Amino acid sequence: MESKEPNTGTTERERDSGYGLAHAIIIYLVALLLSLPLFIILYPYVPAIELPIGEGYRVDH
């Protein structure tokens, strides 16, 4: 007798797309954890970018 996988109602492509999303979220979180401390440390040393309009318009935030 042959054993068959249970029919879950999803295609292989639908299952694989969920795994791709999980990998994307993990990569995003790792990148965030690596870059955020560096940003916090270096932010005070980044010069402000201001446009000479009126009293000055800051572009960096």
N, C-alpha and C. Protein backbone atom coordinates (compact mmCIF):
# COMPACT_ATOMS: atom_id res chain seq x y z
N MET A 1 0.83 -1.18 0.00
CA MET A 1 0.00 0.00 0.00
C MET A 1 0.88 1.26 0.00
N GLU A 2 0.41 2.23 -0.70
CA GLU A 2 1.13 3.49 -0.85
C GLU A 2 0.70 4.49 0.22
N SER A 3 1.67 5.18 0.81
CA SER A 3 1.29 6.22 1.77
C SER A 3 1.25 7.56 1.05
N LYS A 4 0.21 8.30 1.29
CA LYS A 4 0.05 9.62 0.67
C LYS A 4 0.11 10.68 1.75
N GLU A 5 0.62 11.85 1.35
CA GLU A 5 0.61 12.97 2.27
C GLU A 5 -0.83 13.44 2.43
N PRO A 6 -1.19 13.91 3.63
CA PRO A 6 -2.56 14.39 3.82
C PRO A 6 -2.82 15.64 2.98
N ASN A 7 -4.01 15.75 2.47
CA ASN A 7 -4.40 16.90 1.67
C ASN A 7 -4.80 18.03 2.61
N THR A 8 -3.98 19.06 2.64
CA THR A 8 -4.26 20.18 3.54
C THR A 8 -5.01 21.31 2.86
N GLY A 9 -5.21 21.19 1.54
CA GLY A 9 -5.93 22.23 0.83
C GLY A 9 -5.04 23.37 0.35
N THR A 10 -3.73 23.24 0.54
CA THR A 10 -2.82 24.27 0.06
C THR A 10 -1.89 23.65 -0.98
N THR A 11 -1.47 24.47 -1.91
CA THR A 11 -0.55 23.99 -2.93
C THR A 11 0.88 24.14 -2.42
N GLU A 12 1.80 23.53 -3.13
CA GLU A 12 3.21 23.62 -2.73
C GLU A 12 3.70 25.06 -2.81
N ARG A 13 3.25 25.79 -3.81
CA ARG A 13 3.65 27.19 -3.96
C ARG A 13 3.17 28.03 -2.77
N GLU A 14 1.96 27.80 -2.30
CA GLU A 14 1.44 28.54 -1.14
C GLU A 14 2.26 28.24 0.11
N ARG A 15 2.64 26.98 0.30
CA ARG A 15 3.45 26.63 1.47
C ARG A 15 4.82 27.27 1.38
N ASP A 16 5.44 27.26 0.19
CA ASP A 16 6.77 27.85 0.02
C ASP A 16 6.75 29.35 0.21
N SER A 17 5.68 30.03 -0.18
CA SER A 17 5.63 31.48 -0.01
C SER A 17 5.61 31.86 1.46
N GLY A 18 5.03 31.04 2.30
CA GLY A 18 5.05 31.30 3.74
C GLY A 18 6.45 31.19 4.31
N TYR A 19 7.21 30.23 3.81
CA TYR A 19 8.59 30.09 4.27
C TYR A 19 9.43 31.28 3.81
N GLY A 20 9.17 31.78 2.61
CA GLY A 20 9.89 32.96 2.12
C GLY A 20 9.60 34.17 2.98
N LEU A 21 8.38 34.32 3.40
CA LEU A 21 8.01 35.45 4.25
C LEU A 21 8.70 35.34 5.61
N ALA A 22 8.77 34.15 6.15
CA ALA A 22 9.43 33.95 7.44
C ALA A 22 10.91 34.29 7.34
N HIS A 23 11.55 33.89 6.25
CA HIS A 23 12.96 34.22 6.07
C HIS A 23 13.16 35.73 5.92
N ALA A 24 12.26 36.38 5.22
CA ALA A 24 12.36 37.83 5.04
C ALA A 24 12.23 38.55 6.38
N ILE A 25 11.33 38.10 7.22
CA ILE A 25 11.15 38.72 8.53
C ILE A 25 12.38 38.51 9.40
N ILE A 26 12.95 37.31 9.36
CA ILE A 26 14.16 37.04 10.14
C ILE A 26 15.32 37.90 9.66
N ILE A 27 15.50 38.02 8.36
CA ILE A 27 16.57 38.87 7.82
C ILE A 27 16.35 40.31 8.22
N TYR A 28 15.12 40.78 8.17
CA TYR A 28 14.81 42.16 8.57
C TYR A 28 15.16 42.39 10.04
N LEU A 29 14.80 41.47 10.91
CA LEU A 29 15.07 41.64 12.34
C LEU A 29 16.57 41.60 12.63
N VAL A 30 17.31 40.73 11.97
CA VAL A 30 18.76 40.68 12.16
C VAL A 30 19.40 41.98 11.69
N ALA A 31 18.98 42.48 10.54
CA ALA A 31 19.52 43.74 10.03
C ALA A 31 19.20 44.89 10.98
N LEU A 32 18.00 44.88 11.53
CA LEU A 32 17.61 45.92 12.48
C LEU A 32 18.46 45.86 13.74
N LEU A 33 18.68 44.66 14.26
CA LEU A 33 19.48 44.51 15.47
C LEU A 33 20.94 44.89 15.26
N LEU A 34 21.45 44.71 14.04
CA LEU A 34 22.83 45.08 13.76
C LEU A 34 22.99 46.57 13.48
N SER A 35 22.01 47.18 12.83
CA SER A 35 22.17 48.56 12.41
C SER A 35 21.70 49.58 13.45
N LEU A 36 20.76 49.25 14.28
CA LEU A 36 20.22 50.22 15.23
C LEU A 36 21.27 50.70 16.24
N PRO A 37 22.05 49.83 16.88
CA PRO A 37 23.08 50.34 17.79
C PRO A 37 24.10 51.23 17.09
N LEU A 38 24.47 50.87 15.87
CA LEU A 38 25.41 51.69 15.11
C LEU A 38 24.82 53.07 14.83
N PHE A 39 23.55 53.12 14.48
CA PHE A 39 22.88 54.39 14.24
C PHE A 39 22.84 55.24 15.52
N ILE A 40 22.53 54.63 16.65
CA ILE A 40 22.45 55.36 17.91
C ILE A 40 23.81 55.93 18.30
N ILE A 41 24.87 55.18 18.06
CA ILE A 41 26.21 55.64 18.40
C ILE A 41 26.67 56.76 17.47
N LEU A 42 26.40 56.65 16.19
CA LEU A 42 26.93 57.60 15.21
C LEU A 42 26.04 58.81 14.95
N TYR A 43 24.80 58.78 15.35
CA TYR A 43 23.87 59.88 15.04
C TYR A 43 24.35 61.25 15.54
N PRO A 44 24.92 61.37 16.74
CA PRO A 44 25.36 62.70 17.17
C PRO A 44 26.46 63.31 16.30
N TYR A 45 27.18 62.49 15.55
CA TYR A 45 28.29 62.97 14.73
C TYR A 45 27.89 63.28 13.29
N VAL A 46 26.67 62.99 12.92
CA VAL A 46 26.19 63.27 11.56
C VAL A 46 25.74 64.73 11.51
N PRO A 47 26.28 65.51 10.57
CA PRO A 47 25.88 66.92 10.50
C PRO A 47 24.42 67.08 10.05
N ALA A 48 23.79 68.12 10.53
CA ALA A 48 22.40 68.40 10.15
C ALA A 48 22.39 68.96 8.73
N ILE A 49 21.45 68.52 7.94
CA ILE A 49 21.30 69.02 6.58
C ILE A 49 20.16 70.04 6.60
N GLU A 50 20.47 71.28 6.28
CA GLU A 50 19.47 72.35 6.32
C GLU A 50 19.40 73.06 4.99
N LEU A 51 18.19 73.34 4.56
CA LEU A 51 17.98 74.14 3.35
C LEU A 51 17.89 75.60 3.76
N PRO A 52 18.50 76.49 2.99
CA PRO A 52 18.48 77.91 3.35
C PRO A 52 17.16 78.59 2.98
N ILE A 53 16.08 78.10 3.56
CA ILE A 53 14.76 78.69 3.33
C ILE A 53 14.26 79.21 4.67
N GLY A 54 14.02 80.49 4.75
CA GLY A 54 13.56 81.10 6.01
C GLY A 54 14.62 80.94 7.09
N GLU A 55 14.23 80.34 8.21
CA GLU A 55 15.17 80.13 9.32
C GLU A 55 15.98 78.85 9.12
N GLY A 56 15.74 78.13 8.08
CA GLY A 56 16.44 76.88 7.81
C GLY A 56 15.48 75.71 7.99
N TYR A 57 15.43 74.86 7.00
CA TYR A 57 14.55 73.71 7.02
C TYR A 57 15.39 72.45 7.07
N ARG A 58 15.26 71.68 8.17
CA ARG A 58 16.06 70.45 8.34
C ARG A 58 15.49 69.34 7.46
N VAL A 59 16.38 68.70 6.73
CA VAL A 59 15.98 67.65 5.81
C VAL A 59 16.18 66.27 6.42
N ASP A 60 17.05 66.15 7.40
CA ASP A 60 17.42 64.82 7.90
C ASP A 60 16.36 64.16 8.78
N HIS A 61 15.28 64.83 9.15
CA HIS A 61 14.18 64.12 9.79
C HIS A 61 12.87 64.67 9.40
